[in-house]
Protein backbone atom coordinates (compact mmCIF):
# COMPACT_ATOMS: atom_id res chain seq x y z
CA MET A 1 0.00 0.00 0.00
CA LEU A 2 1.33 3.49 -0.90
CA LYS A 3 1.61 5.97 1.94
CA ARG A 4 0.09 9.42 1.31
CA VAL A 5 2.53 12.29 1.84
CA GLY A 6 1.24 15.60 3.14
CA ARG A 7 2.06 18.92 1.36
CA ARG A 8 4.46 20.08 4.11
CA SER A 9 6.23 16.73 4.19
CA LEU A 10 6.47 16.71 0.36
CA CYS A 11 8.12 20.15 0.31
CA ALA A 12 10.60 19.04 2.95
CA LEU A 13 11.36 15.89 0.96
CA LEU A 14 11.93 17.84 -2.28
CA MET A 15 14.28 20.24 -0.49
CA LEU A 16 16.22 17.33 0.97
CA LEU A 17 16.57 15.70 -2.46
CA MET A 18 17.79 18.95 -4.03
CA LEU A 19 20.37 19.45 -1.30
CA SER A 20 21.60 15.89 -1.68
CA GLY A 21 21.96 16.29 -5.45
CA MET A 22 19.36 13.62 -6.27
CA LEU A 23 16.97 16.18 -7.75
CA VAL A 24 18.35 19.16 -9.68
CA PRO A 25 16.26 21.99 -11.17
CA ALA A 26 16.28 21.93 -14.99
CA SER A 27 17.93 25.36 -15.10
CA ALA A 28 20.86 24.08 -13.01
CA ALA A 29 21.30 20.71 -14.73
CA LYS A 30 24.61 20.18 -16.47
CA VAL A 31 24.57 20.43 -20.24
CA LYS A 32 25.70 17.22 -21.91
CA GLY A 33 26.25 16.55 -25.58
CA ALA A 34 27.10 18.83 -28.48
CA VAL A 35 25.60 21.44 -30.75
CA LYS A 36 26.93 20.50 -34.17
CA ALA A 37 26.78 21.28 -37.86
CA VAL A 38 25.60 18.22 -39.78
CA GLN A 39 25.40 19.83 -43.23
CA TYR A 40 26.87 22.87 -44.98
CA THR A 41 25.29 24.03 -48.24
CA MET A 42 27.45 26.73 -49.75
CA ASP A 43 27.29 29.02 -52.77
CA VAL A 44 30.62 30.77 -53.23
CA LYS A 45 31.54 33.15 -56.05
CA LEU A 46 35.08 34.35 -56.79
CA ASP A 47 35.53 37.77 -58.35
CA ALA A 48 39.05 37.42 -59.75
CA LYS A 49 39.21 41.13 -60.66
CA GLN A 50 38.37 42.36 -57.17
CA ASP A 51 39.95 39.33 -55.41
CA GLN A 52 36.77 38.90 -53.45
CA LEU A 53 34.47 36.08 -52.35
CA THR A 54 30.70 36.38 -52.09
CA GLU A 55 29.48 33.60 -49.81
CA LYS A 56 26.10 32.17 -48.90
CA VAL A 57 26.49 29.47 -46.27
CA THR A 58 23.50 27.50 -44.99
CA ILE A 59 24.31 25.41 -41.93
CA LYS A 60 22.01 22.65 -40.72
CA VAL A 61 22.52 22.83 -36.96
CA LYS A 62 21.54 19.94 -34.68
CA ASN A 63 21.08 20.16 -30.94
CA ASP A 64 22.42 16.90 -29.51
CA THR A 65 22.43 18.23 -25.95
CA ASN A 66 19.91 17.65 -23.18
CA GLN A 67 18.76 21.30 -23.04
CA LYS A 68 17.34 24.02 -25.27
CA VAL A 69 19.93 26.09 -27.09
CA LYS A 70 19.17 29.82 -27.05
CA THR A 71 22.44 31.12 -28.51
CA LEU A 72 24.50 29.94 -31.47
CA VAL A 73 28.15 30.94 -31.85
CA PHE A 74 29.97 31.12 -35.18
CA ARG A 75 33.52 31.75 -36.34
CA ASN A 76 34.77 33.83 -39.24
CA ILE A 77 38.51 33.17 -39.09
CA ALA A 78 39.07 35.18 -42.29
CA SER A 79 38.49 38.32 -40.20
CA SER A 80 41.34 37.39 -37.85
CA ILE A 81 43.65 36.50 -40.73
CA LEU A 82 43.07 39.87 -42.42
CA ASP A 83 43.69 41.68 -39.12
CA TYR A 84 46.90 39.68 -38.70
CA ASP A 85 47.99 40.45 -42.26
CA ARG A 86 47.51 44.20 -41.77
CA ALA A 87 49.81 44.07 -38.76
CA GLU A 88 52.42 41.58 -39.95
CA TYR A 89 52.29 41.86 -43.76
CA PRO A 90 51.34 45.50 -44.40
CA GLU A 91 51.08 45.19 -48.18
CA LYS A 92 49.33 48.32 -49.45
CA VAL A 93 46.75 46.22 -51.27
CA ASN A 94 45.77 44.45 -48.02
CA LEU A 95 45.27 47.49 -45.77
CA LYS A 96 41.57 47.98 -46.56
CA LYS A 97 40.61 44.34 -46.97
CA SER A 98 37.93 42.90 -44.74
CA SER A 99 35.51 40.05 -44.20
CA LYS A 100 31.99 41.21 -43.42
CA ILE A 101 28.95 39.26 -42.26
CA LYS A 102 26.03 40.76 -44.17
CA SER A 103 23.20 38.85 -42.56
CA VAL A 104 22.29 35.81 -40.47
CA LYS A 105 18.88 34.16 -40.77
CA ALA A 106 17.18 31.26 -39.00
CA GLY A 107 14.79 30.07 -41.66
CA SER A 108 13.35 33.34 -43.01
CA LYS A 109 13.84 35.33 -39.78
CA LYS A 110 16.74 37.76 -39.76
CA LEU A 111 18.74 37.60 -36.52
CA LYS A 112 20.76 40.28 -34.78
CA VAL A 113 24.50 39.59 -34.88
CA SER A 114 26.62 40.25 -31.80
CA TYR A 115 30.41 40.39 -32.03
CA GLU A 116 32.95 39.70 -29.33
CA LYS A 117 36.20 41.60 -28.85
CA ASP A 118 37.71 39.05 -31.23
CA LYS A 119 35.64 40.00 -34.28
CA SER A 120 36.04 36.50 -35.74
CA VAL A 121 33.61 35.32 -33.03
CA PHE A 122 29.96 36.28 -33.50
CA SER A 123 26.71 34.97 -32.10
CA VAL A 124 22.95 35.16 -32.53
CA ASN A 125 20.21 34.89 -29.94
CA LEU A 126 17.44 32.59 -31.14
CA GLY A 127 14.88 33.99 -28.71
CA LYS A 128 11.56 32.17 -29.06
CA LYS A 129 13.13 29.97 -31.74
CA ALA A 130 15.42 28.29 -29.19
CA LEU A 131 16.56 24.94 -30.56
CA LYS A 132 15.09 22.02 -28.62
CA PRO A 133 17.06 18.84 -27.82
CA GLY A 134 17.24 16.47 -30.79
CA LYS A 135 15.97 19.10 -33.25
CA THR A 136 17.64 20.77 -36.23
CA MET A 137 17.39 24.18 -37.83
CA ASN A 138 18.89 25.88 -40.87
CA VAL A 139 20.93 29.04 -40.36
CA THR A 140 21.97 31.00 -43.44
CA ILE A 141 24.92 33.41 -43.33
CA GLN A 142 25.70 35.90 -46.10
CA ALA A 143 29.28 37.18 -46.17
CA VAL A 144 31.66 39.11 -48.41
CA THR A 145 35.35 38.35 -47.93
CA ASP A 146 38.38 39.95 -49.54
CA VAL A 147 41.27 37.63 -50.40
CA PRO A 148 44.65 38.99 -49.23
CA LEU A 149 47.77 39.13 -51.34
CA ARG A 150 49.83 36.66 -49.34
CA ASP A 151 51.77 33.40 -49.74
CA ASP A 152 49.53 31.44 -47.42
CA ARG A 153 46.69 28.94 -47.03
CA PHE A 154 44.31 31.91 -47.36
CA GLY A 155 45.61 34.31 -49.96
CA TYR A 156 46.47 34.70 -53.63
CA ARG A 157 49.55 35.11 -55.79
CA LYS A 158 49.64 37.01 -59.05
CA THR A 159 52.31 35.86 -61.52
CA LYS A 160 53.15 36.43 -65.16
CA ASP A 161 51.04 33.37 -65.97
CA GLY A 162 47.93 34.31 -63.99
CA LYS A 163 46.51 34.02 -60.47
CA LEU A 164 46.65 31.25 -57.89
CA TYR A 165 44.12 31.36 -55.04
CA HIS A 166 44.53 29.35 -51.83
CA LEU A 167 41.07 29.44 -50.26
CA GLY A 168 41.21 27.91 -46.81
CA PHE A 169 39.86 29.41 -43.56
CA CYS A 170 37.67 31.82 -45.49
CA TYR A 171 34.01 30.99 -44.82
CA PRO A 172 31.85 31.37 -41.67
CA TYR A 173 31.20 28.17 -39.75
CA LEU A 174 29.56 26.96 -36.53
CA ALA A 175 31.99 27.16 -33.63
CA PRO A 176 32.81 23.76 -32.08
CA ASN A 177 30.62 23.05 -29.07
CA GLN A 178 30.72 20.38 -26.37
CA ASP A 179 28.71 20.14 -23.15
CA GLY A 180 27.45 23.70 -23.43
CA LYS A 181 30.86 25.26 -24.04
CA TRP A 182 31.72 27.03 -27.29
CA ASN A 183 35.29 26.85 -28.55
CA LYS A 184 36.54 30.40 -29.12
CA ASP A 185 40.29 29.84 -29.33
CA PRO A 186 41.94 32.69 -31.27
CA TYR A 187 43.48 32.46 -34.72
CA PHE A 188 47.04 31.14 -34.52
CA ASP A 189 49.18 31.88 -37.56
CA ASP A 190 52.01 29.43 -36.78
CA GLY A 191 49.55 26.54 -36.51
CA GLU A 192 45.82 25.92 -36.50
CA SER A 193 42.91 26.52 -34.12
CA ARG A 194 40.55 23.92 -35.57
CA ALA A 195 38.56 21.55 -33.34
CA SER A 196 35.65 20.49 -35.53
CA GLY A 197 33.81 17.23 -35.82
CA VAL A 198 32.84 15.92 -39.24
CA SER A 199 30.07 17.39 -41.41
CA ASN A 200 28.84 17.01 -44.99
CA PHE A 201 29.46 19.82 -47.48
CA LYS A 202 27.68 20.57 -50.75
CA VAL A 203 29.35 23.51 -52.43
CA THR A 204 28.82 25.41 -55.66
CA PHE A 205 31.90 27.45 -56.51
CA THR A 206 31.81 29.91 -59.41
CA ALA A 207 34.96 31.35 -60.93
CA PRO A 208 36.06 32.59 -64.37
CA LYS A 209 35.80 29.79 -66.95
CA ASP A 210 39.57 29.36 -67.37
CA TYR A 211 40.11 28.45 -63.71
CA VAL A 212 40.99 24.90 -62.67
CA VAL A 213 39.85 23.85 -59.19
CA ALA A 214 41.32 21.42 -56.66
CA SER A 215 39.16 20.81 -53.63
CA VAL A 216 38.13 18.87 -50.59
CA GLY A 217 35.69 16.12 -51.65
CA THR A 218 34.74 14.96 -55.13
CA HIS A 219 34.04 17.62 -57.71
CA SER A 220 33.45 18.48 -61.36
CA THR A 221 33.63 21.77 -63.27
CA LYS A 222 31.52 22.96 -66.19
CA LYS A 223 31.67 26.46 -67.67
CA GLY A 224 33.27 27.95 -64.58
CA VAL A 225 30.93 26.32 -62.08
CA THR A 226 32.46 23.66 -59.82
CA THR A 227 30.09 21.35 -57.97
CA ILE A 228 31.64 19.81 -54.85
CA ASP A 229 30.39 17.00 -52.64
CA ALA A 230 32.40 16.32 -49.49
CA LYS A 231 31.17 13.82 -46.93
CA LYS A 232 32.40 13.49 -43.34
CA VAL A 233 35.05 16.19 -43.47
CA ARG A 234 36.08 18.68 -40.79
CA ASP A 235 36.29 21.81 -42.89
CA PHE A 236 36.29 23.06 -46.46
CA ALA A 237 38.98 24.52 -48.70
CA LEU A 238 39.93 24.73 -52.36
CA VAL A 239 42.63 26.00 -54.70
CA ALA A 240 41.67 27.85 -57.89
CA CYS A 241 44.14 28.80 -60.61
CA ASN A 242 44.02 29.80 -64.27
CA PHE A 243 47.42 28.29 -65.10
CA MET A 244 47.23 25.00 -63.18
CA LYS A 245 47.26 21.56 -64.81
CA LYS A 246 46.15 18.15 -63.56
CA GLU A 247 47.08 14.50 -63.87
CA SER A 248 45.38 11.61 -62.06
CA PHE A 249 46.52 8.17 -60.92
CA GLN A 250 45.60 5.38 -58.52
CA ALA A 251 47.44 4.67 -55.26
CA SER A 252 46.28 1.76 -53.09
CA GLY A 253 42.74 2.16 -54.38
CA VAL A 254 42.70 5.95 -53.90
CA THR A 255 42.23 8.33 -56.83
CA VAL A 256 44.94 10.97 -56.55
CA ASN A 257 44.62 14.19 -58.54
CA ASN A 258 48.09 15.66 -58.86
CA TYR A 259 47.93 19.36 -59.82
CA TYR A 260 51.00 21.27 -60.95
CA LEU A 261 52.22 24.57 -62.40
CA LYS A 262 54.02 24.78 -65.70
CA GLY A 263 57.73 25.45 -65.57
CA LYS A 264 61.17 24.09 -66.32
CA TYR A 265 60.99 21.63 -63.42
CA SER A 266 57.28 20.79 -63.47
CA GLY A 267 58.02 17.26 -64.70
CA ARG A 268 60.27 16.65 -61.72
CA TYR A 269 57.70 18.11 -59.33
CA ARG A 270 54.98 15.88 -60.80
CA LYS A 271 57.06 12.72 -60.57
CA ILE A 272 58.24 13.31 -57.00
CA SER A 273 54.68 14.08 -55.88
CA ARG A 274 53.30 11.03 -57.68
CA LEU A 275 55.92 8.61 -56.32
CA VAL A 276 55.72 9.96 -52.76
CA ALA A 277 51.92 9.74 -52.76
CA THR A 278 52.04 6.16 -54.05
CA ASP A 279 54.63 5.09 -51.46
CA ALA A 280 53.19 7.04 -48.53
CA ILE A 281 49.57 5.94 -48.95
CA ALA A 282 50.66 2.30 -49.13
CA LEU A 283 52.95 2.57 -46.09
CA TYR A 284 50.47 4.52 -43.95
CA THR A 285 47.64 2.16 -44.83
CA GLU A 286 49.73 -0.81 -43.71
CA ALA A 287 50.99 0.85 -40.52
CA VAL A 288 47.79 2.59 -39.39
CA GLY A 289 44.68 1.70 -41.38
CA LYS A 290 42.72 2.47 -44.52
CA TYR A 291 42.66 6.01 -45.91
CA PRO A 292 39.23 7.48 -45.06
CA TYR A 293 38.31 8.97 -48.45
CA LYS A 294 38.05 7.87 -52.07
CA GLN A 295 40.04 10.78 -53.42
CA LEU A 296 43.03 12.97 -52.63
CA ASP A 297 43.73 16.28 -54.34
CA MET A 298 47.35 17.48 -54.18
CA ALA A 299 47.44 21.15 -55.13
CA PRO A 300 50.55 23.29 -55.71
CA ALA A 301 51.13 26.34 -53.54
CA ILE A 302 53.43 29.30 -53.98
CA PHE A 303 54.25 29.76 -50.32
CA GLY A 304 57.78 31.07 -50.77
CA MET A 305 60.98 29.35 -49.74
CA GLY A 306 60.92 27.69 -46.35
CA TYR A 307 57.15 27.17 -45.98
CA GLY A 308 56.01 23.57 -46.28
CA GLY A 309 52.35 22.83 -46.92
CA MET A 310 48.83 22.71 -45.52
CA GLU A 311 46.40 19.90 -44.88
CA PHE A 312 42.64 19.64 -45.27
CA CYS A 313 40.38 16.60 -45.48
CA GLY A 314 41.05 14.93 -48.82
CA MET A 315 43.20 17.82 -50.06
CA VAL A 316 46.71 19.08 -49.40
CA MET A 317 48.58 22.20 -50.51
CA ASN A 318 52.24 21.42 -51.27
CA ASN A 319 54.79 24.19 -51.68
CA ALA A 320 55.83 24.28 -55.34
CA THR A 321 57.74 27.57 -55.21
CA ALA A 322 61.13 26.02 -56.02
CA TYR A 323 59.73 24.20 -59.06
CA TYR A 324 57.70 27.01 -60.62
CA GLY A 325 58.93 29.02 -63.62
CA GLU A 326 62.66 28.67 -64.12
CA GLY A 327 63.01 26.92 -60.77
CA THR A 328 65.66 27.33 -58.09
CA ILE A 329 68.66 25.42 -56.80
CA THR A 330 66.28 23.50 -54.53
CA ALA A 331 64.52 22.01 -57.55
CA LYS A 332 67.87 20.99 -59.00
CA THR A 333 69.56 19.37 -56.01
CA ASP A 334 67.17 19.00 -53.06
CA PRO A 335 64.25 16.70 -53.89
CA ILE A 336 64.15 15.58 -50.26
CA SER A 337 62.53 18.87 -49.19
CA LEU A 338 59.55 18.23 -51.46
CA MET A 339 59.37 14.58 -50.38
CA GLU A 340 59.16 15.67 -46.73
CA VAL A 341 56.38 18.16 -47.44
CA VAL A 342 54.24 15.76 -49.49
CA SER A 343 54.67 12.80 -47.14
CA HIS A 344 53.90 14.95 -44.08
CA GLU A 345 50.74 16.52 -45.51
CA ILE A 346 49.50 13.13 -46.70
CA GLY A 347 50.11 11.85 -43.17
CA HIS A 348 47.57 14.39 -41.97
CA GLN A 349 44.89 12.49 -43.87
CA TRP A 350 45.19 9.89 -41.11
CA PHE A 351 45.82 12.32 -38.24
CA TYR A 352 43.67 15.44 -38.43
CA ALA A 353 41.34 14.38 -41.27
CA ALA A 354 40.42 10.91 -40.00
CA VAL A 355 41.36 11.16 -36.31
CA GLY A 356 40.46 14.69 -35.28
CA ASN A 357 41.73 16.76 -32.36
CA ASP A 358 41.73 20.21 -30.82
CA GLU A 359 44.69 21.71 -32.69
CA TYR A 360 45.09 24.78 -30.47
CA ASN A 361 45.16 22.90 -27.17
CA GLU A 362 46.61 19.53 -28.25
CA GLY A 363 48.30 20.23 -31.58
CA TRP A 364 50.79 17.40 -31.08
CA LEU A 365 48.00 14.89 -31.76
CA ASP A 366 48.02 15.67 -35.48
CA GLU A 367 51.45 17.25 -35.98
CA GLY A 368 53.34 14.73 -33.84
CA PHE A 369 51.64 11.71 -35.39
CA SER A 370 52.03 13.09 -38.93
CA SER A 371 55.70 13.85 -38.25
CA TYR A 372 56.13 10.26 -37.07
CA LEU A 373 54.61 8.95 -40.30
CA GLU A 374 56.78 11.29 -42.37
CA LYS A 375 60.10 10.71 -40.60
CA VAL A 376 59.85 7.05 -39.59
CA VAL A 377 57.17 5.12 -41.48
CA PHE A 378 58.01 6.83 -44.78
CA GLY A 379 61.38 8.46 -44.20
CA LEU A 380 63.34 5.37 -43.12
CA GLU A 381 62.01 3.07 -45.85
CA ASP A 382 63.72 2.16 -49.09
CA THR A 383 61.06 3.54 -51.43
CA GLU A 384 60.82 4.08 -55.15
CA SER A 385 60.45 7.80 -54.49
CA LEU A 386 63.77 7.89 -52.59
CA ARG A 387 65.54 5.93 -55.32
CA TYR A 388 64.27 8.38 -57.94
CA ALA A 389 65.23 11.40 -55.83
CA ASN A 390 68.74 10.03 -55.38
CA THR A 391 69.32 10.16 -59.13
CA TYR A 392 69.89 13.91 -58.81
CA ALA A 393 70.09 14.67 -55.07
CA ASP A 394 73.24 16.44 -53.91
CA PRO A 395 74.29 15.02 -51.56
CA VAL A 396 72.83 11.59 -52.21
CA ILE A 397 70.84 10.13 -49.32
CA ASP A 398 72.60 7.10 -47.81
CA LEU A 399 69.68 5.25 -46.25
CA GLU A 400 71.76 2.93 -44.07
CA LYS A 401 73.73 5.87 -42.72
CA SER A 402 70.49 7.78 -42.10
CA ARG A 403 69.02 4.83 -40.20
CA LYS A 404 72.12 4.50 -38.04
CA GLU A 405 72.23 8.23 -37.22
CA ASP A 406 68.52 8.20 -36.52
CA GLN A 407 68.87 5.29 -34.09
CA GLU A 408 71.69 7.06 -32.27
CA MET A 409 69.54 10.20 -31.96
CA LEU A 410 66.65 8.13 -30.58
CA GLU A 411 68.85 6.44 -27.98
CA GLU A 412 70.32 9.78 -26.93
CA ALA A 413 66.84 11.27 -26.54
CA HIS A 414 65.66 8.26 -24.56
CA ALA A 415 68.60 8.56 -22.18
CA SER A 416 67.68 12.17 -21.41
CA THR A 417 65.46 12.83 -18.39
CA GLU A 418 64.52 16.34 -19.46
CA LYS A 419 60.75 16.96 -19.50
CA SER A 420 59.50 17.64 -23.01
CA TYR A 421 55.76 18.12 -22.54
CA VAL A 422 53.71 17.94 -25.72
CA ASN A 423 50.16 18.59 -24.46
CA ILE A 424 50.53 22.24 -23.52
CA PRO A 425 47.98 24.59 -25.13
CA VAL A 426 49.31 27.48 -27.18
CA SER A 427 47.75 29.90 -24.67
CA ALA A 428 50.07 28.54 -21.96
CA TYR A 429 53.31 28.79 -23.95
CA GLY A 430 56.27 30.39 -22.24
CA PRO A 431 58.69 32.82 -23.95
CA ASP A 432 61.03 29.99 -24.91
CA ASP A 433 58.35 27.67 -26.32
CA SER A 434 58.44 26.89 -30.03
CA TYR A 435 55.33 25.50 -31.71
CA SER A 436 57.30 23.50 -34.25
CA GLU A 437 59.60 22.08 -31.59
CA ARG A 438 56.89 21.13 -29.09
CA GLU A 439 54.13 19.86 -31.40
CA TYR A 440 56.21 18.42 -34.24
CA GLU A 441 59.56 17.36 -32.79
CA TYR A 442 58.64 16.43 -29.22
CA GLY A 443 55.40 14.86 -30.41
CA CYS A 444 57.24 12.67 -32.89
CA MET A 445 59.92 11.73 -30.36
CA PHE A 446 57.27 10.82 -27.77
CA LEU A 447 55.87 8.25 -30.18
CA ARG A 448 59.34 7.04 -31.07
CA GLU A 449 60.27 6.49 -27.43
CA LEU A 450 57.01 4.64 -26.86
CA ARG A 451 57.87 2.34 -29.73
CA TYR A 452 61.41 1.93 -28.34
CA VAL A 453 60.14 0.59 -24.99
CA MET A 454 56.98 -1.18 -26.22
CA GLY A 455 58.56 -2.96 -29.17
CA ASP A 456 57.32 -2.98 -32.76
CA LYS A 457 54.48 -5.46 -32.20
CA LYS A 458 52.78 -3.73 -29.27
CA PHE A 459 53.36 -0.26 -30.67
CA GLY A 460 51.95 -1.30 -34.05
CA ALA A 461 48.87 -2.73 -32.31
CA PHE A 462 48.44 0.54 -30.37
CA LEU A 463 48.64 2.64 -33.54
CA LYS A 464 46.02 0.58 -35.35
CA ASP A 465 43.71 0.37 -32.34
CA TYR A 466 43.88 4.13 -31.72
CA TYR A 467 43.10 4.88 -35.38
CA LYS A 468 40.22 2.40 -35.54
CA ARG A 469 38.59 3.71 -32.35
CA TYR A 470 38.77 7.40 -33.27
CA LYS A 471 38.45 7.39 -37.04
CA LEU A 472 36.11 10.26 -38.00
CA LYS A 473 35.85 11.18 -34.30
CA MET A 474 37.74 13.53 -31.99
CA ALA A 475 40.60 12.26 -29.81
CA THR A 476 42.52 13.63 -26.85
CA THR A 477 45.88 12.99 -25.22
CA ALA A 478 44.04 10.94 -22.60
CA ASP A 479 42.66 8.74 -25.39
CA VAL A 480 46.19 8.14 -26.68
CA LEU A 481 47.37 7.12 -23.21
CA ALA A 482 44.42 4.74 -22.80
CA ALA A 483 45.23 3.14 -26.16
CA VAL A 484 48.90 2.76 -25.20
CA ARG A 485 48.03 1.18 -21.85
CA ARG A 486 45.70 -1.32 -23.49
CA GLN A 487 48.84 -2.75 -25.07
CA ASP A 488 51.47 -2.09 -22.39
CA LYS A 489 51.19 -0.95 -18.75
CA SER A 490 54.86 -1.41 -17.91
CA ALA A 491 56.92 0.93 -15.75
CA ALA A 492 59.06 1.73 -18.80
CA VAL A 493 56.02 2.98 -20.69
CA GLU A 494 54.84 5.04 -17.72
CA LYS A 495 58.27 6.62 -17.45
CA VAL A 496 58.10 7.75 -21.09
CA ILE A 497 54.56 9.07 -20.60
CA GLY A 498 55.67 11.05 -17.55
CA LYS A 499 58.44 12.62 -19.58
CA TYR A 500 56.16 13.90 -22.37
CA VAL A 501 52.68 14.38 -20.88
CA SER A 502 51.81 17.07 -18.35
CA LYS A 503 49.06 15.95 -15.98
CA LYS A 504 48.06 19.59 -15.54
CA TYR A 505 46.65 19.74 -19.07
CA LEU A 506 45.15 16.27 -19.35
């Protein structure tokens, strides 16, 4: 028989439950889950005379949290890049360039846009249209963005042959969100600030009819209109050029579109890129797992001497500066530089594109792993690409000597007890911290020392398990450690972990 509870007793009981944490008011309940973009439908037009993009971006937003969402936050990184360029690259042509959000609509209702101090962060209040748990809504953003004159992943170069546009980081997108928190990390020019899950993109890109387009996803061009379909990718980018050529080939079941610029050494650039892609995709597939996409576009970039490349999902930008036009001494005697760039950026298709991460706070997770693929899995193998490169390299690469020197360097690093933490966010860097050293070099050496103490079999099992578990998901340093410990919990492994991982930032 149920006992009847009086009103006074019921109130006392409810208060007791609230104080004990068993009953929490809805307004105070913790937000769990994510607000995410499941589909981007984009119409982008390039005005090659004004060097300007007109963008219409419709984002299908889904509320996968347990509460209503009243505010949506977006990023327009192009605004930060243009601000950075005005300060650091004060080209006269760039001084008045801007990226402006013209309007934001939820369905047909125009929403008021609020900007933060960092103008690349803007938000809208949905008011009565608050997005309920499990529901979706379409938000359409109209923007006009100037393209800067700069040798970079977002910028263009004008040459005697025409124009080359690198169009990355140049459209508004939904800020990453998890458990009620919006990611607002600032633009970071030395690296990346991306932390996005996967979405589907359908893009119509219009340019002058003589422009060739390389892009994320699969695509086709007819009369200046390129139709792009990209599934399960983390962001969108393309390269457009009116003096770029293309060749295609197969590598381990992947269609590779190899784009190049005409010049005295274009044949050499094409062959190195083709051989490296063929070797790297095969080696990475064997060591880690299957490449996540059907296609890979390799686009040339004129980034200037000393700048490597840039990765996106299913597309890479490889620095072709040394091979363009009449070429430079690098094109004549240093094929290894191009091999390193191509193999590293292809490595990012496994780590960044497939296994995602927060690049601002844990950049080592993609840069360290990709450096490991480049320097060890590819770089220490006797490949066809290396044999071809050695036909004109000066000096010639002695693989056995390189392996011996590399082993000595590894043993020396392992003997050192110096802390070399890899999981420190950029915001916590000290004056002596170097992004390339911490994320790339320390990250790679951390993995190498793990392999040294685990042995090839256990380390190989860890690498494959980690990739399989987090393919097309987001991973953290803690996830890496869990994957390592599933294979090896020895004191030797823990010692290596303690050397490279700061508990403060786990």
